[in-house]
Amino acid sequence: MGKKAKADEIITTLATLKAPYDYGDTPYLQGRIKAWMGNPKEAIKYLQYAIEEGIKFGKGTTFQHDPDLIILNTAPDYLKLLATNRL
């Protein structure tokens, strides 16, 4: 919707609400928001954090199959992230 200030506010709020055993859910959501903001570099950074914090998804629900992340499918660093982590 083009409301980047509001999106950044939501990203910050998510960080303050993060549970101790989040296992990467918060940075995953932050990455999805950054992807839709048109900032693939920041999105990939958050997705890497999600992986490092232990995000786990069931079959068919990996980053590669997330409709909100399709916008990143042309970003070489995103494809490298998928290949390196076999998501």
PDB file of N, CA and C in Angstrom:
ATOM      1  N   MET A   1       0.814  -1.200   0.000  1.00  0.00           N
ATOM      2  CA  MET A   1       0.000   0.000   0.000  1.00  0.00           C
ATOM      3  C   MET A   1       0.855   1.261   0.000  1.00  0.00           C
ATOM      4  N   GLY A   2       2.176   1.094   0.070  1.00  0.00           N
ATOM      5  CA  GLY A   2       3.055   2.254   0.021  1.00  0.00           C
ATOM      6  C   GLY A   2       3.262   2.961   1.344  1.00  0.00           C
ATOM      7  N   LYS A   3       2.796   2.394   2.434  1.00  0.00           N
ATOM      8  CA  LYS A   3       2.936   3.031   3.749  1.00  0.00           C
ATOM      9  C   LYS A   3       4.185   2.489   4.439  1.00  0.00           C
ATOM     10  N   LYS A   4       5.344   2.938   3.967  1.00  0.00           N
ATOM     11  CA  LYS A   4       6.614   2.410   4.456  1.00  0.00           C
ATOM     12  C   LYS A   4       6.869   2.763   5.911  1.00  0.00           C
ATOM     13  N   ALA A   5       6.477   3.951   6.344  1.00  0.00           N
ATOM     14  CA  ALA A   5       6.689   4.335   7.744  1.00  0.00           C
ATOM     15  C   ALA A   5       5.893   3.414   8.668  1.00  0.00           C
ATOM     16  N   LYS A   6       4.671   3.099   8.294  1.00  0.00           N
ATOM     17  CA  LYS A   6       3.837   2.198   9.094  1.00  0.00           C
ATOM     18  C   LYS A   6       4.425   0.784   9.088  1.00  0.00           C
ATOM     19  N   ALA A   7       4.928   0.343   7.950  1.00  0.00           N
ATOM     20  CA  ALA A   7       5.545  -0.981   7.864  1.00  0.00           C
ATOM     21  C   ALA A   7       6.779  -1.055   8.757  1.00  0.00           C
ATOM     22  N   ASP A   8       7.599  -0.013   8.754  1.00  0.00           N
ATOM     23  CA  ASP A   8       8.772   0.020   9.627  1.00  0.00           C
ATOM     24  C   ASP A   8       8.356   0.012  11.101  1.00  0.00           C
ATOM     25  N   GLU A   9       7.270   0.696  11.399  1.00  0.00           N
ATOM     26  CA  GLU A   9       6.749   0.704  12.768  1.00  0.00           C
ATOM     27  C   GLU A   9       6.322  -0.707  13.195  1.00  0.00           C
ATOM     28  N   ILE A  10       5.690  -1.424  12.296  1.00  0.00           N
ATOM     29  CA  ILE A  10       5.258  -2.793  12.590  1.00  0.00           C
ATOM     30  C   ILE A  10       6.478  -3.694  12.794  1.00  0.00           C
ATOM     31  N   ILE A  11       7.505  -3.523  11.975  1.00  0.00           N
ATOM     32  CA  ILE A  11       8.732  -4.312  12.117  1.00  0.00           C
ATOM     33  C   ILE A  11       9.359  -4.070  13.492  1.00  0.00           C
ATOM     34  N   THR A  12       9.393  -2.826  13.922  1.00  0.00           N
ATOM     35  CA  THR A  12       9.933  -2.487  15.234  1.00  0.00           C
ATOM     36  C   THR A  12       9.074  -3.068  16.351  1.00  0.00           C
ATOM     37  N   THR A  13       7.773  -2.971  16.205  1.00  0.00           N
ATOM     38  CA  THR A  13       6.854  -3.517  17.203  1.00  0.00           C
ATOM     39  C   THR A  13       7.011  -5.026  17.324  1.00  0.00           C
ATOM     40  N   LEU A  14       7.146  -5.697  16.200  1.00  0.00           N
ATOM     41  CA  LEU A  14       7.361  -7.142  16.238  1.00  0.00           C
ATOM     42  C   LEU A  14       8.600  -7.488  17.061  1.00  0.00           C
ATOM     43  N   ALA A  15       9.655  -6.712  16.905  1.00  0.00           N
ATOM     44  CA  ALA A  15      10.891  -6.971  17.643  1.00  0.00           C
ATOM     45  C   ALA A  15      10.679  -6.827  19.145  1.00  0.00           C
ATOM     46  N   THR A  16       9.858  -5.874  19.553  1.00  0.00           N
ATOM     47  CA  THR A  16       9.619  -5.665  20.988  1.00  0.00           C
ATOM     48  C   THR A  16       8.711  -6.743  21.571  1.00  0.00           C
ATOM     49  N   LEU A  17       7.922  -7.392  20.751  1.00  0.00           N
ATOM     50  CA  LEU A  17       6.993  -8.428  21.219  1.00  0.00           C
ATOM     51  C   LEU A  17       7.560  -9.838  21.095  1.00  0.00           C
ATOM     52  N   LYS A  18       8.778  -9.936  20.641  1.00  0.00           N
ATOM     53  CA  LYS A  18       9.389 -11.236  20.383  1.00  0.00           C
ATOM     54  C   LYS A  18       9.496 -12.068  21.662  1.00  0.00           C
ATOM     55  N   ALA A  19       9.000 -13.289  21.593  1.00  0.00           N
ATOM     56  CA  ALA A  19       9.052 -14.211  22.725  1.00  0.00           C
ATOM     57  C   ALA A  19      10.449 -14.808  22.862  1.00  0.00           C
ATOM     58  N   PRO A  20      10.803 -15.277  24.073  1.00  0.00           N
ATOM     59  CA  PRO A  20      12.136 -15.855  24.272  1.00  0.00           C
ATOM     60  C   PRO A  20      12.430 -17.052  23.363  1.00  0.00           C
ATOM     61  N   TYR A  21      11.460 -17.896  23.133  1.00  0.00           N
ATOM     62  CA  TYR A  21      11.660 -19.074  22.284  1.00  0.00           C
ATOM     63  C   TYR A  21      10.853 -18.914  21.000  1.00  0.00           C
ATOM     64  N   ASP A  22      11.219 -17.928  20.259  1.00  0.00           N
ATOM     65  CA  ASP A  22      10.541 -17.530  19.034  1.00  0.00           C
ATOM     66  C   ASP A  22      10.896 -18.450  17.865  1.00  0.00           C
ATOM     67  N   TYR A  23      12.096 -18.998  17.886  1.00  0.00           N
ATOM     68  CA  TYR A  23      12.623 -19.881  16.844  1.00  0.00           C
ATOM     69  C   TYR A  23      12.543 -19.286  15.447  1.00  0.00           C
ATOM     70  N   GLY A  24      12.720 -17.982  15.359  1.00  0.00           N
ATOM     71  CA  GLY A  24      12.806 -17.331  14.059  1.00  0.00           C
ATOM     72  C   GLY A  24      11.504 -16.827  13.475  1.00  0.00           C
ATOM     73  N   ASP A  25      10.399 -16.990  14.178  1.00  0.00           N
ATOM     74  CA  ASP A  25       9.120 -16.521  13.633  1.00  0.00           C
ATOM     75  C   ASP A  25       9.102 -15.008  13.423  1.00  0.00           C
ATOM     76  N   THR A  26       9.636 -14.257  14.394  1.00  0.00           N
ATOM     77  CA  THR A  26       9.608 -12.794  14.276  1.00  0.00           C
ATOM     78  C   THR A  26      10.451 -12.295  13.108  1.00  0.00           C
ATOM     79  N   PRO A  27      11.715 -12.706  12.967  1.00  0.00           N
ATOM     80  CA  PRO A  27      12.463 -12.213  11.804  1.00  0.00           C
ATOM     81  C   PRO A  27      11.885 -12.702  10.480  1.00  0.00           C
ATOM     82  N   TYR A  28      11.232 -13.862  10.508  1.00  0.00           N
ATOM     83  CA  TYR A  28      10.563 -14.341   9.284  1.00  0.00           C
ATOM     84  C   TYR A  28       9.463 -13.369   8.869  1.00  0.00           C
ATOM     85  N   LEU A  29       8.634 -12.952   9.826  1.00  0.00           N
ATOM     86  CA  LEU A  29       7.569 -11.988   9.521  1.00  0.00           C
ATOM     87  C   LEU A  29       8.153 -10.646   9.106  1.00  0.00           C
ATOM     88  N   GLN A  30       9.224 -10.221   9.768  1.00  0.00           N
ATOM     89  CA  GLN A  30       9.868  -8.963   9.410  1.00  0.00           C
ATOM     90  C   GLN A  30      10.433  -9.034   7.989  1.00  0.00           C
ATOM     91  N   GLY A  31      10.993 -10.169   7.639  1.00  0.00           N
ATOM     92  CA  GLY A  31      11.513 -10.358   6.284  1.00  0.00           C
ATOM     93  C   GLY A  31      10.415 -10.298   5.237  1.00  0.00           C
ATOM     94  N   ARG A  32       9.281 -10.884   5.538  1.00  0.00           N
ATOM     95  CA  ARG A  32       8.152 -10.836   4.599  1.00  0.00           C
ATOM     96  C   ARG A  32       7.709  -9.386   4.364  1.00  0.00           C
ATOM     97  N   ILE A  33       7.667  -8.608   5.441  1.00  0.00           N
ATOM     98  CA  ILE A  33       7.275  -7.201   5.304  1.00  0.00           C
ATOM     99  C   ILE A  33       8.299  -6.447   4.455  1.00  0.00           C
ATOM    100  N   LYS A  34       9.580  -6.661   4.736  1.00  0.00           N
ATOM    101  CA  LYS A  34      10.626  -5.977   3.962  1.00  0.00           C
ATOM    102  C   LYS A  34      10.576  -6.369   2.486  1.00  0.00           C
ATOM    103  N   ALA A  35      10.246  -7.629   2.207  1.00  0.00           N
ATOM    104  CA  ALA A  35      10.122  -8.070   0.811  1.00  0.00           C
ATOM    105  C   ALA A  35       9.048  -7.261   0.100  1.00  0.00           C
ATOM    106  N   TRP A  36       7.914  -7.111   0.734  1.00  0.00           N
ATOM    107  CA  TRP A  36       6.819  -6.365   0.107  1.00  0.00           C
ATOM    108  C   TRP A  36       7.050  -4.866   0.090  1.00  0.00           C
ATOM    109  N   MET A  37       7.980  -4.398   0.904  1.00  0.00           N
ATOM    110  CA  MET A  37       8.349  -2.983   0.866  1.00  0.00           C
ATOM    111  C   MET A  37       9.293  -2.701  -0.299  1.00  0.00           C
ATOM    112  N   GLY A  38       9.724  -3.776  -0.974  1.00  0.00           N
ATOM    113  CA  GLY A  38      10.639  -3.597  -2.102  1.00  0.00           C
ATOM    114  C   GLY A  38      12.087  -3.510  -1.672  1.00  0.00           C
ATOM    115  N   ASN A  39      12.403  -4.104  -0.533  1.00  0.00           N
ATOM    116  CA  ASN A  39      13.757  -4.062  -0.017  1.00  0.00           C
ATOM    117  C   ASN A  39      14.286  -5.486   0.137  1.00  0.00           C
ATOM    118  N   PRO A  40      14.684  -6.118  -0.979  1.00  0.00           N
ATOM    119  CA  PRO A  40      15.108  -7.521  -0.913  1.00  0.00           C
ATOM    120  C   PRO A  40      16.334  -7.744  -0.028  1.00  0.00           C
ATOM    121  N   LYS A  41      17.261  -6.805  -0.002  1.00  0.00           N
ATOM    122  CA  LYS A  41      18.469  -6.974   0.806  1.00  0.00           C
ATOM    123  C   LYS A  41      18.116  -7.108   2.285  1.00  0.00           C
ATOM    124  N   GLU A  42      17.252  -6.226   2.771  1.00  0.00           N
ATOM    125  CA  GLU A  42      16.819  -6.288   4.168  1.00  0.00           C
ATOM    126  C   GLU A  42      15.964  -7.527   4.424  1.00  0.00           C
ATOM    127  N   ALA A  43      15.121  -7.883   3.474  1.00  0.00           N
ATOM    128  CA  ALA A  43      14.283  -9.073   3.618  1.00  0.00           C
ATOM    129  C   ALA A  43      15.145 -10.315   3.787  1.00  0.00           C
ATOM    130  N   ILE A  44      16.157 -10.432   2.959  1.00  0.00           N
ATOM    131  CA  ILE A  44      17.046 -11.595   3.007  1.00  0.00           C
ATOM    132  C   ILE A  44      17.805 -11.616   4.330  1.00  0.00           C
ATOM    133  N   LYS A  45      18.196 -10.449   4.824  1.00  0.00           N
ATOM    134  CA  LYS A  45      18.884 -10.369   6.117  1.00  0.00           C
ATOM    135  C   LYS A  45      17.988 -10.939   7.222  1.00  0.00           C
ATOM    136  N   TYR A  46      16.725 -10.523   7.246  1.00  0.00           N
ATOM    137  CA  TYR A  46      15.796 -11.030   8.264  1.00  0.00           C
ATOM    138  C   TYR A  46      15.541 -12.524   8.093  1.00  0.00           C
ATOM    139  N   LEU A  47      15.439 -12.990   6.863  1.00  0.00           N
ATOM    140  CA  LEU A  47      15.215 -14.423   6.629  1.00  0.00           C
ATOM    141  C   LEU A  47      16.418 -15.241   7.080  1.00  0.00           C
ATOM    142  N   GLN A  48      17.607 -14.701   6.899  1.00  0.00           N
ATOM    143  CA  GLN A  48      18.805 -15.389   7.396  1.00  0.00           C
ATOM    144  C   GLN A  48      18.766 -15.474   8.918  1.00  0.00           C
ATOM    145  N   TYR A  49      18.356 -14.391   9.578  1.00  0.00           N
ATOM    146  CA  TYR A  49      18.199 -14.423  11.033  1.00  0.00           C
ATOM    147  C   TYR A  49      17.199 -15.507  11.435  1.00  0.00           C
ATOM    148  N   ALA A  50      16.104 -15.606  10.695  1.00  0.00           N
ATOM    149  CA  ALA A  50      15.083 -16.611  10.999  1.00  0.00           C
ATOM    150  C   ALA A  50      15.669 -18.017  10.947  1.00  0.00           C
ATOM    151  N   ILE A  51      16.481 -18.263   9.949  1.00  0.00           N
ATOM    152  CA  ILE A  51      17.115 -19.571   9.809  1.00  0.00           C
ATOM    153  C   ILE A  51      18.073 -19.813  10.969  1.00  0.00           C
ATOM    154  N   GLU A  52      18.876 -18.806  11.292  1.00  0.00           N
ATOM    155  CA  GLU A  52      19.843 -18.945  12.376  1.00  0.00           C
ATOM    156  C   GLU A  52      19.174 -19.181  13.720  1.00  0.00           C
ATOM    157  N   GLU A  53      17.971 -18.632  13.888  1.00  0.00           N
ATOM    158  CA  GLU A  53      17.253 -18.787  15.152  1.00  0.00           C
ATOM    159  C   GLU A  53      16.429 -20.072  15.204  1.00  0.00           C
ATOM    160  N   GLY A  54      16.448 -20.848  14.129  1.00  0.00           N
ATOM    161  CA  GLY A  54      15.835 -22.165  14.178  1.00  0.00           C
ATOM    162  C   GLY A  54      14.468 -22.302  13.548  1.00  0.00           C
ATOM    163  N   ILE A  55      14.109 -21.412  12.633  1.00  0.00           N
ATOM    164  CA  ILE A  55      12.790 -21.516  11.998  1.00  0.00           C
ATOM    165  C   ILE A  55      12.657 -22.872  11.319  1.00  0.00           C
ATOM    166  N   LYS A  56      11.540 -23.480  11.503  1.00  0.00           N
ATOM    167  CA  LYS A  56      11.286 -24.768  10.859  1.00  0.00           C
ATOM    168  C   LYS A  56       9.865 -24.741  10.310  1.00  0.00           C
ATOM    169  N   PHE A  57       9.742 -25.192   9.087  1.00  0.00           N
ATOM    170  CA  PHE A  57       8.432 -25.244   8.448  1.00  0.00           C
ATOM    171  C   PHE A  57       8.186 -26.641   7.944  1.00  0.00           C
ATOM    172  N   GLY A  58       6.916 -27.007   7.871  1.00  0.00           N
ATOM    173  CA  GLY A  58       6.550 -28.315   7.357  1.00  0.00           C
ATOM    174  C   GLY A  58       6.674 -28.390   5.847  1.00  0.00           C
ATOM    175  N   LYS A  59       6.527 -29.559   5.332  1.00  0.00           N
ATOM    176  CA  LYS A  59       6.627 -29.794   3.890  1.00  0.00           C
ATOM    177  C   LYS A  59       5.662 -28.878   3.131  1.00  0.00           C
ATOM    178  N   GLY A  60       6.187 -28.229   2.111  1.00  0.00           N
ATOM    179  CA  GLY A  60       5.357 -27.370   1.261  1.00  0.00           C
ATOM    180  C   GLY A  60       5.149 -25.972   1.793  1.00  0.00           C
ATOM    181  N   THR A  61       5.713 -25.668   2.940  1.00  0.00           N
ATOM    182  CA  THR A  61       5.549 -24.326   3.492  1.00  0.00           C
ATOM    183  C   THR A  61       6.898 -23.665   3.760  1.00  0.00           C
ATOM    184  N   THR A  62       7.862 -23.948   2.905  1.00  0.00           N
ATOM    185  CA  THR A  62       9.180 -23.346   3.060  1.00  0.00           C
ATOM    186  C   THR A  62       9.184 -21.938   2.474  1.00  0.00           C
ATOM    187  N   PHE A  63      10.286 -21.244   2.684  1.00  0.00           N
ATOM    188  CA  PHE A  63      10.421 -19.901   2.104  1.00  0.00           C
ATOM    189  C   PHE A  63      10.110 -19.931   0.617  1.00  0.00           C
ATOM    190  N   GLN A  64      10.607 -20.947  -0.053  1.00  0.00           N
ATOM    191  CA  GLN A  64      10.476 -21.038  -1.503  1.00  0.00           C
ATOM    192  C   GLN A  64       9.010 -21.089  -1.945  1.00  0.00           C
ATOM    193  N   HIS A  65       8.144 -21.597  -1.101  1.00  0.00           N
ATOM    194  CA  HIS A  65       6.737 -21.742  -1.464  1.00  0.00           C
ATOM    195  C   HIS A  65       5.837 -20.712  -0.790  1.00  0.00           C
ATOM    196  N   ASP A  66       6.431 -19.747  -0.132  1.00  0.00           N
ATOM    197  CA  ASP A  66       5.649 -18.702   0.530  1.00  0.00           C
ATOM    198  C   ASP A  66       5.251 -17.657  -0.507  1.00  0.00           C
ATOM    199  N   PRO A  67       3.954 -17.478  -0.737  1.00  0.00           N
ATOM    200  CA  PRO A  67       3.520 -16.510  -1.754  1.00  0.00           C
ATOM    201  C   PRO A  67       3.974 -15.082  -1.472  1.00  0.00           C
ATOM    202  N   ASP A  68       4.193 -14.751  -0.203  1.00  0.00           N
ATOM    203  CA  ASP A  68       4.653 -13.405   0.127  1.00  0.00           C
ATOM    204  C   ASP A  68       6.117 -13.184  -0.215  1.00  0.00           C
ATOM    205  N   LEU A  69       6.836 -14.264  -0.471  1.00  0.00           N
ATOM    206  CA  LEU A  69       8.262 -14.128  -0.794  1.00  0.00           C
ATOM    207  C   LEU A  69       8.560 -14.356  -2.274  1.00  0.00           C
ATOM    208  N   ILE A  70       7.530 -14.616  -3.070  1.00  0.00           N
ATOM    209  CA  ILE A  70       7.724 -14.825  -4.508  1.00  0.00           C
ATOM    210  C   ILE A  70       8.421 -13.627  -5.142  1.00  0.00           C
ATOM    211  N   ILE A  71       8.175 -12.476  -4.602  1.00  0.00           N
ATOM    212  CA  ILE A  71       8.783 -11.255  -5.115  1.00  0.00           C
ATOM    213  C   ILE A  71      10.316 -11.316  -5.060  1.00  0.00           C
ATOM    214  N   LEU A  72      10.864 -12.185  -4.202  1.00  0.00           N
ATOM    215  CA  LEU A  72      12.312 -12.323  -4.071  1.00  0.00           C
ATOM    216  C   LEU A  72      12.913 -13.353  -5.019  1.00  0.00           C
ATOM    217  N   ASN A  73      12.091 -14.072  -5.750  1.00  0.00           N
ATOM    218  CA  ASN A  73      12.578 -15.171  -6.588  1.00  0.00           C
ATOM    219  C   ASN A  73      13.587 -14.758  -7.659  1.00  0.00           C
ATOM    220  N   THR A  74      13.704 -13.495  -7.952  1.00  0.00           N
ATOM    221  CA  THR A  74      14.683 -13.037  -8.936  1.00  0.00           C
ATOM    222  C   THR A  74      15.943 -12.464  -8.281  1.00  0.00           C
ATOM    223  N   ALA A  75      15.963 -12.436  -6.949  1.00  0.00           N
ATOM    224  CA  ALA A  75      17.126 -11.903  -6.225  1.00  0.00           C
ATOM    225  C   ALA A  75      18.167 -13.005  -6.050  1.00  0.00           C
ATOM    226  N   PRO A  76      19.351 -12.844  -6.634  1.00  0.00           N
ATOM    227  CA  PRO A  76      20.385 -13.881  -6.528  1.00  0.00           C
ATOM    228  C   PRO A  76      20.727 -14.264  -5.087  1.00  0.00           C
ATOM    229  N   ASP A  77      20.757 -13.292  -4.179  1.00  0.00           N
ATOM    230  CA  ASP A  77      21.088 -13.594  -2.781  1.00  0.00           C
ATOM    231  C   ASP A  77      20.007 -14.445  -2.114  1.00  0.00           C
ATOM    232  N   TYR A  78      18.759 -14.252  -2.516  1.00  0.00           N
ATOM    233  CA  TYR A  78      17.658 -15.066  -1.989  1.00  0.00           C
ATOM    234  C   TYR A  78      17.790 -16.499  -2.487  1.00  0.00           C
ATOM    235  N   LEU A  79      18.079 -16.664  -3.759  1.00  0.00           N
ATOM    236  CA  LEU A  79      18.253 -18.004  -4.319  1.00  0.00           C
ATOM    237  C   LEU A  79      19.439 -18.706  -3.670  1.00  0.00           C
ATOM    238  N   LYS A  80      20.480 -17.945  -3.376  1.00  0.00           N
ATOM    239  CA  LYS A  80      21.644 -18.501  -2.687  1.00  0.00           C
ATOM    240  C   LYS A  80      21.262 -18.937  -1.272  1.00  0.00           C
ATOM    241  N   LEU A  81      20.459 -18.122  -0.587  1.00  0.00           N
ATOM    242  CA  LEU A  81      19.983 -18.459   0.754  1.00  0.00           C
ATOM    243  C   LEU A  81      19.191 -19.765   0.733  1.00  0.00           C
ATOM    244  N   LEU A  82      18.306 -19.908  -0.244  1.00  0.00           N
ATOM    245  CA  LEU A  82      17.512 -21.125  -0.360  1.00  0.00           C
ATOM    246  C   LEU A  82      18.404 -22.342  -0.609  1.00  0.00           C
ATOM    247  N   ALA A  83      19.352 -22.186  -1.525  1.00  0.00           N
ATOM    248  CA  ALA A  83      20.220 -23.299  -1.875  1.00  0.00           C
ATOM    249  C   ALA A  83      21.139 -23.691  -0.714  1.00  0.00           C
ATOM    250  N   THR A  84      21.682 -22.709  -0.050  1.00  0.00           N
ATOM    251  CA  THR A  84      22.605 -22.966   1.052  1.00  0.00           C
ATOM    252  C   THR A  84      21.904 -23.676   2.206  1.00  0.00           C
ATOM    253  N   ASN A  85      20.675 -23.271   2.488  1.00  0.00           N
ATOM    254  CA  ASN A  85      19.954 -23.814   3.623  1.00  0.00           C
ATOM    255  C   ASN A  85      18.949 -24.891   3.240  1.00  0.00           C
ATOM    256  N   ARG A  86      18.841 -25.159   1.938  1.00  0.00           N
ATOM    257  CA  ARG A  86      17.935 -26.185   1.422  1.00  0.00           C
ATOM    258  C   ARG A  86      16.527 -26.055   1.979  1.00  0.00           C
ATOM    259  N   LEU A  87      16.000 -24.825   1.874  1.00  0.00           N
ATOM    260  CA  LEU A  87      14.644 -24.573   2.362  1.00  0.00           C
ATOM    261  C   LEU A  87      13.620 -24.915   1.314  1.00  0.00           C
TER     262      LEU A  87
END
